[in-house]
Amino acid sequence: MGKSLNQFSINAFSLKGKTAIVTGANQGLGMAYAVAFAKAGADLYIPHFTDDISEVKQLIEETGQKAAFIQGDLTDKSYVKRVVDGCMEEYGKIDILVNNAGVGIFGEFLDYSDHAWEKVMDINLNAVYYLSHLVVKEMAKKQSGKIINIASALAFTADKNCPPYTTSKHAIVGLTKVFANEAGQYNIQTNAIAPGFLATEMTKGFLEDESYYNKIVDRIPIGRWGEAADLMGTAVFLASSASNYINGWTINVDGGFATTL
């Protein structure tokens, strides 16, 4: 046993020499994952929908790592294929995939439109499956890889006025288990992160609603909303060889939100 214990090194947490695709990493929480990977030694390939890539490009390049970008819509299957082909052309491999890109459309339940339902499910669930399925085919060739899906605190509960978002995040937990089961034989580990309530530009409206803000804080044992940086260590861990025997699980990064009534 001592021999096997001596084989462990802190370098197990390094991503040096790795290539990571992080969808939607030009903004929000995706930027935190991408920068964390760069700081750990990985090069980035970033599919993005909105135009501005300047901030994440600068942050990654400041670490000495490379960043390449491809703009498009992940609900377009031809674009999904171009993402995989583009990363292979740029770096020759895909070691890590983070399915971060997502959308939420809020509305009254009785009046909720089919179009809104389909749009959210297409990006939050269907695109995750299609991209991951193509990436697994490349990872299987080299018998290694890490897929990290992004779930949510709403993967374990429900809130009002966001039916497809809540449903899609529940489904991501199931999809994570499916890929863990199917791709594990190729030494590919698939896990998920479930962020809790985080103070970001996207949640600014909720933060400014004192009643809602306090309702959430009261359910968080740590007593505060999270910050994007709170997710970075977990992402690096799941992307690294330190997590090689973790497969099919969802890690809540929520300050304890899911533990309370």
C-alpha atoms as a PDB file:
ATOM      1  CA  MET A   1       0.000   0.000   0.000  1.00  0.00           C
ATOM      2  CA  GLY A   2       2.832   2.372   0.811  1.00  0.00           C
ATOM      3  CA  LYS A   3       4.141   2.138  -2.736  1.00  0.00           C
ATOM      4  CA  SER A   4       0.816   3.203  -4.225  1.00  0.00           C
ATOM      5  CA  LEU A   5       0.515   6.071  -1.744  1.00  0.00           C
ATOM      6  CA  ASN A   6       3.966   7.302  -2.689  1.00  0.00           C
ATOM      7  CA  GLN A   7       2.857   7.541  -6.317  1.00  0.00           C
ATOM      8  CA  PHE A   8       0.562  10.447  -5.481  1.00  0.00           C
ATOM      9  CA  SER A   9       1.867  13.904  -6.316  1.00  0.00           C
ATOM     10  CA  ILE A  10       0.380  17.376  -6.086  1.00  0.00           C
ATOM     11  CA  ASN A  11       1.027  17.454  -9.827  1.00  0.00           C
ATOM     12  CA  ALA A  12      -2.115  15.335 -10.155  1.00  0.00           C
ATOM     13  CA  PHE A  13      -4.001  18.628 -10.014  1.00  0.00           C
ATOM     14  CA  SER A  14      -2.003  20.134 -12.891  1.00  0.00           C
ATOM     15  CA  LEU A  15      -3.508  20.544 -16.360  1.00  0.00           C
ATOM     16  CA  LYS A  16      -0.167  21.219 -18.006  1.00  0.00           C
ATOM     17  CA  GLY A  17      -0.215  20.129 -21.643  1.00  0.00           C
ATOM     18  CA  LYS A  18      -4.001  19.662 -21.703  1.00  0.00           C
ATOM     19  CA  THR A  19      -6.494  21.153 -24.143  1.00  0.00           C
ATOM     20  CA  ALA A  20      -9.962  22.157 -22.942  1.00  0.00           C
ATOM     21  CA  ILE A  21     -13.131  23.146 -24.745  1.00  0.00           C
ATOM     22  CA  VAL A  22     -15.284  25.403 -22.551  1.00  0.00           C
ATOM     23  CA  THR A  23     -18.520  26.500 -24.194  1.00  0.00           C
ATOM     24  CA  GLY A  24     -19.646  30.063 -23.609  1.00  0.00           C
ATOM     25  CA  ALA A  25     -16.436  30.922 -21.781  1.00  0.00           C
ATOM     26  CA  ASN A  26     -16.251  34.475 -23.107  1.00  0.00           C
ATOM     27  CA  GLN A  27     -18.539  35.577 -20.268  1.00  0.00           C
ATOM     28  CA  GLY A  28     -20.045  34.654 -16.914  1.00  0.00           C
ATOM     29  CA  LEU A  29     -19.163  31.481 -15.066  1.00  0.00           C
ATOM     30  CA  GLY A  30     -17.653  29.925 -18.190  1.00  0.00           C
ATOM     31  CA  MET A  31     -14.926  32.545 -18.042  1.00  0.00           C
ATOM     32  CA  ALA A  32     -14.088  31.397 -14.508  1.00  0.00           C
ATOM     33  CA  TYR A  33     -13.679  27.785 -15.659  1.00  0.00           C
ATOM     34  CA  ALA A  34     -11.536  28.790 -18.622  1.00  0.00           C
ATOM     35  CA  VAL A  35      -9.242  31.040 -16.602  1.00  0.00           C
ATOM     36  CA  ALA A  36      -8.903  28.370 -13.905  1.00  0.00           C
ATOM     37  CA  PHE A  37      -7.822  25.834 -16.510  1.00  0.00           C
ATOM     38  CA  ALA A  38      -5.327  28.272 -18.024  1.00  0.00           C
ATOM     39  CA  LYS A  39      -3.854  28.963 -14.591  1.00  0.00           C
ATOM     40  CA  ALA A  40      -3.509  25.188 -14.150  1.00  0.00           C
ATOM     41  CA  GLY A  41      -1.633  24.900 -17.469  1.00  0.00           C
ATOM     42  CA  ALA A  42      -4.249  24.124 -20.135  1.00  0.00           C
ATOM     43  CA  ASP A  43      -4.821  25.703 -23.537  1.00  0.00           C
ATOM     44  CA  LEU A  44      -8.385  26.724 -24.361  1.00  0.00           C
ATOM     45  CA  TYR A  45     -10.743  26.351 -27.288  1.00  0.00           C
ATOM     46  CA  ILE A  46     -13.827  28.486 -26.747  1.00  0.00           C
ATOM     47  CA  PRO A  47     -17.103  28.241 -28.698  1.00  0.00           C
ATOM     48  CA  HIS A  48     -19.069  31.435 -28.090  1.00  0.00           C
ATOM     49  CA  PHE A  49     -22.327  33.007 -29.200  1.00  0.00           C
ATOM     50  CA  THR A  50     -21.945  36.675 -28.235  1.00  0.00           C
ATOM     51  CA  ASP A  51     -19.272  38.827 -29.865  1.00  0.00           C
ATOM     52  CA  ASP A  52     -16.918  40.077 -27.158  1.00  0.00           C
ATOM     53  CA  ILE A  53     -13.945  37.800 -26.431  1.00  0.00           C
ATOM     54  CA  SER A  54     -11.473  40.470 -25.338  1.00  0.00           C
ATOM     55  CA  GLU A  55     -11.593  39.942 -21.570  1.00  0.00           C
ATOM     56  CA  VAL A  56     -11.245  36.169 -21.495  1.00  0.00           C
ATOM     57  CA  LYS A  57      -8.610  36.272 -24.242  1.00  0.00           C
ATOM     58  CA  GLN A  58      -6.519  38.700 -22.213  1.00  0.00           C
ATOM     59  CA  LEU A  59      -6.912  36.739 -18.958  1.00  0.00           C
ATOM     60  CA  ILE A  60      -5.877  33.471 -20.597  1.00  0.00           C
ATOM     61  CA  GLU A  61      -2.940  34.952 -22.478  1.00  0.00           C
ATOM     62  CA  GLU A  62      -1.696  36.585 -19.254  1.00  0.00           C
ATOM     63  CA  THR A  63      -1.170  33.059 -17.886  1.00  0.00           C
ATOM     64  CA  GLY A  64       1.019  32.183 -20.873  1.00  0.00           C
ATOM     65  CA  GLN A  65      -1.529  29.753 -22.295  1.00  0.00           C
ATOM     66  CA  LYS A  66      -3.199  29.789 -25.707  1.00  0.00           C
ATOM     67  CA  ALA A  67      -6.818  30.585 -26.494  1.00  0.00           C
ATOM     68  CA  ALA A  68      -8.653  29.954 -29.770  1.00  0.00           C
ATOM     69  CA  PHE A  69     -12.240  30.935 -30.494  1.00  0.00           C
ATOM     70  CA  ILE A  70     -15.098  29.887 -32.762  1.00  0.00           C
ATOM     71  CA  GLN A  71     -18.347  31.829 -32.879  1.00  0.00           C
ATOM     72  CA  GLY A  72     -21.721  30.248 -33.582  1.00  0.00           C
ATOM     73  CA  ASP A  73     -24.904  28.690 -32.270  1.00  0.00           C
ATOM     74  CA  LEU A  74     -24.635  25.381 -30.410  1.00  0.00           C
ATOM     75  CA  THR A  75     -28.169  24.455 -31.441  1.00  0.00           C
ATOM     76  CA  ASP A  76     -26.834  24.224 -35.015  1.00  0.00           C
ATOM     77  CA  LYS A  77     -25.453  20.693 -35.438  1.00  0.00           C
ATOM     78  CA  SER A  78     -23.140  21.769 -38.249  1.00  0.00           C
ATOM     79  CA  TYR A  79     -21.569  24.315 -35.895  1.00  0.00           C
ATOM     80  CA  VAL A  80     -21.191  21.660 -33.180  1.00  0.00           C
ATOM     81  CA  LYS A  81     -19.200  19.553 -35.636  1.00  0.00           C
ATOM     82  CA  ARG A  82     -17.078  22.570 -36.579  1.00  0.00           C
ATOM     83  CA  VAL A  83     -16.276  23.069 -32.898  1.00  0.00           C
ATOM     84  CA  VAL A  84     -14.875  19.554 -32.595  1.00  0.00           C
ATOM     85  CA  ASP A  85     -13.090  19.658 -35.949  1.00  0.00           C
ATOM     86  CA  GLY A  86     -11.699  23.106 -35.178  1.00  0.00           C
ATOM     87  CA  CYS A  87     -10.247  22.074 -31.837  1.00  0.00           C
ATOM     88  CA  MET A  88      -8.654  19.007 -33.407  1.00  0.00           C
ATOM     89  CA  GLU A  89      -7.130  21.151 -36.153  1.00  0.00           C
ATOM     90  CA  GLU A  90      -5.875  23.743 -33.661  1.00  0.00           C
ATOM     91  CA  TYR A  91      -4.480  21.458 -30.965  1.00  0.00           C
ATOM     92  CA  GLY A  92      -4.657  17.894 -32.287  1.00  0.00           C
ATOM     93  CA  LYS A  93      -6.633  16.599 -29.297  1.00  0.00           C
ATOM     94  CA  ILE A  94      -9.424  17.260 -26.826  1.00  0.00           C
ATOM     95  CA  ASP A  95      -8.637  16.401 -23.211  1.00  0.00           C
ATOM     96  CA  ILE A  96     -11.425  18.268 -21.412  1.00  0.00           C
ATOM     97  CA  LEU A  97     -14.923  19.420 -22.321  1.00  0.00           C
ATOM     98  CA  VAL A  98     -16.975  21.757 -20.147  1.00  0.00           C
ATOM     99  CA  ASN A  99     -20.600  22.114 -21.239  1.00  0.00           C
ATOM    100  CA  ASN A 100     -21.175  25.525 -19.718  1.00  0.00           C
ATOM    101  CA  ALA A 101     -23.275  27.402 -22.289  1.00  0.00           C
ATOM    102  CA  GLY A 102     -26.887  27.718 -21.246  1.00  0.00           C
ATOM    103  CA  VAL A 103     -29.888  29.988 -21.169  1.00  0.00           C
ATOM    104  CA  GLY A 104     -32.882  30.660 -18.949  1.00  0.00           C
ATOM    105  CA  ILE A 105     -36.133  32.219 -20.117  1.00  0.00           C
ATOM    106  CA  PHE A 106     -38.552  33.159 -17.361  1.00  0.00           C
ATOM    107  CA  GLY A 107     -42.313  33.469 -17.713  1.00  0.00           C
ATOM    108  CA  GLU A 108     -45.648  32.730 -16.103  1.00  0.00           C
ATOM    109  CA  PHE A 109     -46.309  28.993 -16.210  1.00  0.00           C
ATOM    110  CA  LEU A 110     -49.832  29.094 -17.686  1.00  0.00           C
ATOM    111  CA  ASP A 111     -48.704  31.418 -20.467  1.00  0.00           C
ATOM    112  CA  TYR A 112     -45.301  29.829 -21.080  1.00  0.00           C
ATOM    113  CA  SER A 113     -44.679  29.483 -24.809  1.00  0.00           C
ATOM    114  CA  ASP A 114     -43.646  26.335 -26.651  1.00  0.00           C
ATOM    115  CA  HIS A 115     -40.978  28.367 -28.430  1.00  0.00           C
ATOM    116  CA  ALA A 116     -39.327  29.357 -25.127  1.00  0.00           C
ATOM    117  CA  TRP A 117     -39.459  25.756 -23.898  1.00  0.00           C
ATOM    118  CA  GLU A 118     -37.835  24.436 -27.070  1.00  0.00           C
ATOM    119  CA  LYS A 119     -35.140  27.136 -27.145  1.00  0.00           C
ATOM    120  CA  VAL A 120     -34.014  26.459 -23.573  1.00  0.00           C
ATOM    121  CA  MET A 121     -34.071  22.673 -23.956  1.00  0.00           C
ATOM    122  CA  ASP A 122     -32.169  22.853 -27.246  1.00  0.00           C
ATOM    123  CA  ILE A 123     -29.216  24.750 -25.761  1.00  0.00           C
ATOM    124  CA  ASN A 124     -29.253  23.437 -22.186  1.00  0.00           C
ATOM    125  CA  LEU A 125     -29.745  19.745 -22.958  1.00  0.00           C
ATOM    126  CA  ASN A 126     -29.738  18.756 -26.631  1.00  0.00           C
ATOM    127  CA  ALA A 127     -26.579  20.706 -27.499  1.00  0.00           C
ATOM    128  CA  VAL A 128     -24.815  19.183 -24.498  1.00  0.00           C
ATOM    129  CA  TYR A 129     -25.615  15.694 -25.755  1.00  0.00           C
ATOM    130  CA  TYR A 130     -24.625  16.328 -29.370  1.00  0.00           C
ATOM    131  CA  LEU A 131     -21.333  18.047 -28.540  1.00  0.00           C
ATOM    132  CA  SER A 132     -20.389  15.510 -25.864  1.00  0.00           C
ATOM    133  CA  HIS A 133     -21.206  12.601 -28.170  1.00  0.00           C
ATOM    134  CA  LEU A 134     -18.845  13.917 -30.846  1.00  0.00           C
ATOM    135  CA  VAL A 135     -16.125  14.737 -28.324  1.00  0.00           C
ATOM    136  CA  VAL A 136     -16.292  11.249 -26.791  1.00  0.00           C
ATOM    137  CA  LYS A 137     -15.483   9.775 -30.189  1.00  0.00           C
ATOM    138  CA  GLU A 138     -12.227  11.744 -30.227  1.00  0.00           C
ATOM    139  CA  MET A 139     -11.409  11.056 -26.579  1.00  0.00           C
ATOM    140  CA  ALA A 140     -12.020   7.324 -27.055  1.00  0.00           C
ATOM    141  CA  LYS A 141      -9.266   7.188 -29.676  1.00  0.00           C
ATOM    142  CA  LYS A 142      -6.688   8.133 -27.040  1.00  0.00           C
ATOM    143  CA  GLN A 143      -8.461   6.329 -24.190  1.00  0.00           C
ATOM    144  CA  SER A 144      -8.730   9.328 -21.893  1.00  0.00           C
ATOM    145  CA  GLY A 145     -10.806  12.422 -21.288  1.00  0.00           C
ATOM    146  CA  LYS A 146     -12.829  14.514 -18.881  1.00  0.00           C
ATOM    147  CA  ILE A 147     -16.339  15.843 -19.457  1.00  0.00           C
ATOM    148  CA  ILE A 148     -17.770  18.341 -16.993  1.00  0.00           C
ATOM    149  CA  ASN A 149     -21.425  19.270 -17.305  1.00  0.00           C
ATOM    150  CA  ILE A 150     -22.885  22.289 -15.568  1.00  0.00           C
ATOM    151  CA  ALA A 151     -26.051  21.554 -13.637  1.00  0.00           C
ATOM    152  CA  SER A 152     -27.578  23.895 -11.051  1.00  0.00           C
ATOM    153  CA  ALA A 153     -29.066  24.140  -7.592  1.00  0.00           C
ATOM    154  CA  LEU A 154     -32.303  23.754  -9.557  1.00  0.00           C
ATOM    155  CA  ALA A 155     -31.222  20.258 -10.605  1.00  0.00           C
ATOM    156  CA  PHE A 156     -32.482  19.082  -7.207  1.00  0.00           C
ATOM    157  CA  THR A 157     -35.447  21.341  -6.571  1.00  0.00           C
ATOM    158  CA  ALA A 158     -37.698  23.691  -8.529  1.00  0.00           C
ATOM    159  CA  ASP A 159     -38.453  27.378  -8.679  1.00  0.00           C
ATOM    160  CA  LYS A 160     -41.364  29.130 -10.282  1.00  0.00           C
ATOM    161  CA  ASN A 161     -41.486  30.670 -13.753  1.00  0.00           C
ATOM    162  CA  CYS A 162     -38.578  28.763 -15.330  1.00  0.00           C
ATOM    163  CA  PRO A 163     -39.967  25.331 -16.316  1.00  0.00           C
ATOM    164  CA  PRO A 164     -37.499  24.360 -19.068  1.00  0.00           C
ATOM    165  CA  TYR A 165     -34.442  25.596 -17.190  1.00  0.00           C
ATOM    166  CA  THR A 166     -35.300  23.513 -14.127  1.00  0.00           C
ATOM    167  CA  THR A 167     -36.196  20.500 -16.262  1.00  0.00           C
ATOM    168  CA  SER A 168     -33.022  20.740 -18.344  1.00  0.00           C
ATOM    169  CA  LYS A 169     -30.797  20.922 -15.271  1.00  0.00           C
ATOM    170  CA  HIS A 170     -32.476  17.853 -13.758  1.00  0.00           C
ATOM    171  CA  ALA A 171     -31.821  16.146 -17.095  1.00  0.00           C
ATOM    172  CA  ILE A 172     -28.147  17.158 -17.053  1.00  0.00           C
ATOM    173  CA  VAL A 173     -27.669  15.118 -13.871  1.00  0.00           C
ATOM    174  CA  GLY A 174     -29.139  12.106 -15.674  1.00  0.00           C
ATOM    175  CA  LEU A 175     -27.145  12.728 -18.840  1.00  0.00           C
ATOM    176  CA  THR A 176     -23.979  12.880 -16.757  1.00  0.00           C
ATOM    177  CA  LYS A 177     -24.699   9.394 -15.439  1.00  0.00           C
ATOM    178  CA  VAL A 178     -25.433   8.113 -18.944  1.00  0.00           C
ATOM    179  CA  PHE A 179     -22.093   9.343 -20.293  1.00  0.00           C
ATOM    180  CA  ALA A 180     -20.264   8.059 -17.205  1.00  0.00           C
ATOM    181  CA  ASN A 181     -21.740   4.634 -17.851  1.00  0.00           C
ATOM    182  CA  GLU A 182     -21.219   4.602 -21.605  1.00  0.00           C
ATOM    183  CA  ALA A 183     -17.848   6.350 -21.899  1.00  0.00           C
ATOM    184  CA  GLY A 184     -16.192   5.044 -18.757  1.00  0.00           C
ATOM    185  CA  GLN A 185     -14.921   2.001 -20.646  1.00  0.00           C
ATOM    186  CA  TYR A 186     -12.717   4.378 -22.670  1.00  0.00           C
ATOM    187  CA  ASN A 187     -11.196   5.914 -19.518  1.00  0.00           C
ATOM    188  CA  ILE A 188     -13.379   9.000 -19.900  1.00  0.00           C
ATOM    189  CA  GLN A 189     -14.808  10.409 -16.688  1.00  0.00           C
ATOM    190  CA  THR A 190     -18.015  12.441 -16.844  1.00  0.00           C
ATOM    191  CA  ASN A 191     -19.106  14.496 -13.862  1.00  0.00           C
ATOM    192  CA  ALA A 192     -21.115  17.642 -13.206  1.00  0.00           C
ATOM    193  CA  ILE A 193     -20.909  20.781 -11.128  1.00  0.00           C
ATOM    194  CA  ALA A 194     -24.105  22.199  -9.648  1.00  0.00           C
ATOM    195  CA  PRO A 195     -23.485  25.855  -8.847  1.00  0.00           C
ATOM    196  CA  GLY A 196     -25.697  27.390  -6.196  1.00  0.00           C
ATOM    197  CA  PHE A 197     -26.777  31.003  -6.106  1.00  0.00           C
ATOM    198  CA  LEU A 198     -23.884  33.111  -7.365  1.00  0.00           C
ATOM    199  CA  ALA A 199     -23.378  36.839  -7.557  1.00  0.00           C
ATOM    200  CA  THR A 200     -22.870  37.444 -11.281  1.00  0.00           C
ATOM    201  CA  GLU A 201     -24.004  39.942 -13.875  1.00  0.00           C
ATOM    202  CA  MET A 202     -26.766  37.518 -14.871  1.00  0.00           C
ATOM    203  CA  THR A 203     -28.195  37.427 -11.320  1.00  0.00           C
ATOM    204  CA  LYS A 204     -27.891  41.159 -10.706  1.00  0.00           C
ATOM    205  CA  GLY A 205     -31.665  41.577 -10.681  1.00  0.00           C
ATOM    206  CA  PHE A 206     -32.069  38.950  -7.975  1.00  0.00           C
ATOM    207  CA  LEU A 207     -29.297  40.496  -5.885  1.00  0.00           C
ATOM    208  CA  GLU A 208     -31.089  43.830  -5.999  1.00  0.00           C
ATOM    209  CA  ASP A 209     -34.359  42.239  -4.838  1.00  0.00           C
ATOM    210  CA  GLU A 210     -33.853  42.389  -1.071  1.00  0.00           C
ATOM    211  CA  SER A 211     -36.659  39.959  -0.276  1.00  0.00           C
ATOM    212  CA  TYR A 212     -35.432  37.308  -2.727  1.00  0.00           C
ATOM    213  CA  TYR A 213     -31.783  37.839  -1.776  1.00  0.00           C
ATOM    214  CA  ASN A 214     -32.513  37.335   1.911  1.00  0.00           C
ATOM    215  CA  LYS A 215     -34.713  34.297   1.223  1.00  0.00           C
ATOM    216  CA  ILE A 216     -31.772  32.586  -0.465  1.00  0.00           C
ATOM    217  CA  VAL A 217     -29.163  33.673   2.087  1.00  0.00           C
ATOM    218  CA  ASP A 218     -31.328  32.237   4.851  1.00  0.00           C
ATOM    219  CA  ARG A 219     -30.980  28.811   3.176  1.00  0.00           C
ATOM    220  CA  ILE A 220     -27.198  28.986   2.776  1.00  0.00           C
ATOM    221  CA  PRO A 221     -25.365  27.842   5.919  1.00  0.00           C
ATOM    222  CA  ILE A 222     -22.242  29.778   4.893  1.00  0.00           C
ATOM    223  CA  GLY A 223     -24.421  32.898   4.903  1.00  0.00           C
ATOM    224  CA  ARG A 224     -23.589  34.435   1.538  1.00  0.00           C
ATOM    225  CA  TRP A 225     -24.159  34.071  -2.172  1.00  0.00           C
ATOM    226  CA  GLY A 226     -21.218  32.523  -3.989  1.00  0.00           C
ATOM    227  CA  GLU A 227     -18.719  34.174  -6.306  1.00  0.00           C
ATOM    228  CA  ALA A 228     -17.482  32.859  -9.655  1.00  0.00           C
ATOM    229  CA  ALA A 229     -14.087  32.136  -8.077  1.00  0.00           C
ATOM    230  CA  ASP A 230     -15.767  29.652  -5.715  1.00  0.00           C
ATOM    231  CA  LEU A 231     -16.226  27.288  -8.680  1.00  0.00           C
ATOM    232  CA  MET A 232     -12.689  27.351 -10.046  1.00  0.00           C
ATOM    233  CA  GLY A 233     -11.059  24.807  -7.748  1.00  0.00           C
ATOM    234  CA  THR A 234     -13.792  22.225  -8.256  1.00  0.00           C
ATOM    235  CA  ALA A 235     -13.544  22.614 -12.031  1.00  0.00           C
ATOM    236  CA  VAL A 236      -9.774  22.096 -12.017  1.00  0.00           C
ATOM    237  CA  PHE A 237     -10.126  19.063  -9.741  1.00  0.00           C
ATOM    238  CA  LEU A 238     -12.686  17.383 -12.025  1.00  0.00           C
ATOM    239  CA  ALA A 239     -10.572  18.176 -15.100  1.00  0.00           C
ATOM    240  CA  SER A 240      -7.393  16.756 -13.567  1.00  0.00           C
ATOM    241  CA  SER A 241      -6.055  13.253 -12.984  1.00  0.00           C
ATOM    242  CA  ALA A 242      -6.723  13.757  -9.270  1.00  0.00           C
ATOM    243  CA  SER A 243     -10.358  12.869 -10.003  1.00  0.00           C
ATOM    244  CA  ASN A 244      -9.711   9.795 -12.162  1.00  0.00           C
ATOM    245  CA  TYR A 245     -11.883   7.500 -10.022  1.00  0.00           C
ATOM    246  CA  ILE A 246     -14.834   9.879  -9.796  1.00  0.00           C
ATOM    247  CA  ASN A 247     -17.360   9.160 -12.523  1.00  0.00           C
ATOM    248  CA  GLY A 248     -21.033  10.010 -12.878  1.00  0.00           C
ATOM    249  CA  TRP A 249     -21.417  12.347  -9.932  1.00  0.00           C
ATOM    250  CA  THR A 250     -22.643  15.886  -9.446  1.00  0.00           C
ATOM    251  CA  ILE A 251     -20.771  18.102  -6.992  1.00  0.00           C
ATOM    252  CA  ASN A 252     -22.829  20.885  -5.451  1.00  0.00           C
ATOM    253  CA  VAL A 253     -20.913  24.133  -5.041  1.00  0.00           C
ATOM    254  CA  ASP A 254     -23.629  25.979  -3.193  1.00  0.00           C
ATOM    255  CA  GLY A 255     -22.463  26.865   0.310  1.00  0.00           C
ATOM    256  CA  GLY A 256     -24.722  24.139   1.671  1.00  0.00           C
ATOM    257  CA  PHE A 257     -27.943  25.372   0.032  1.00  0.00           C
ATOM    258  CA  ALA A 258     -29.080  21.844  -0.885  1.00  0.00           C
ATOM    259  CA  THR A 259     -28.618  20.595   2.688  1.00  0.00           C
ATOM    260  CA  THR A 260     -31.296  22.847   4.212  1.00  0.00           C
ATOM    261  CA  LEU A 261     -35.086  22.876   4.242  1.00  0.00           C
END
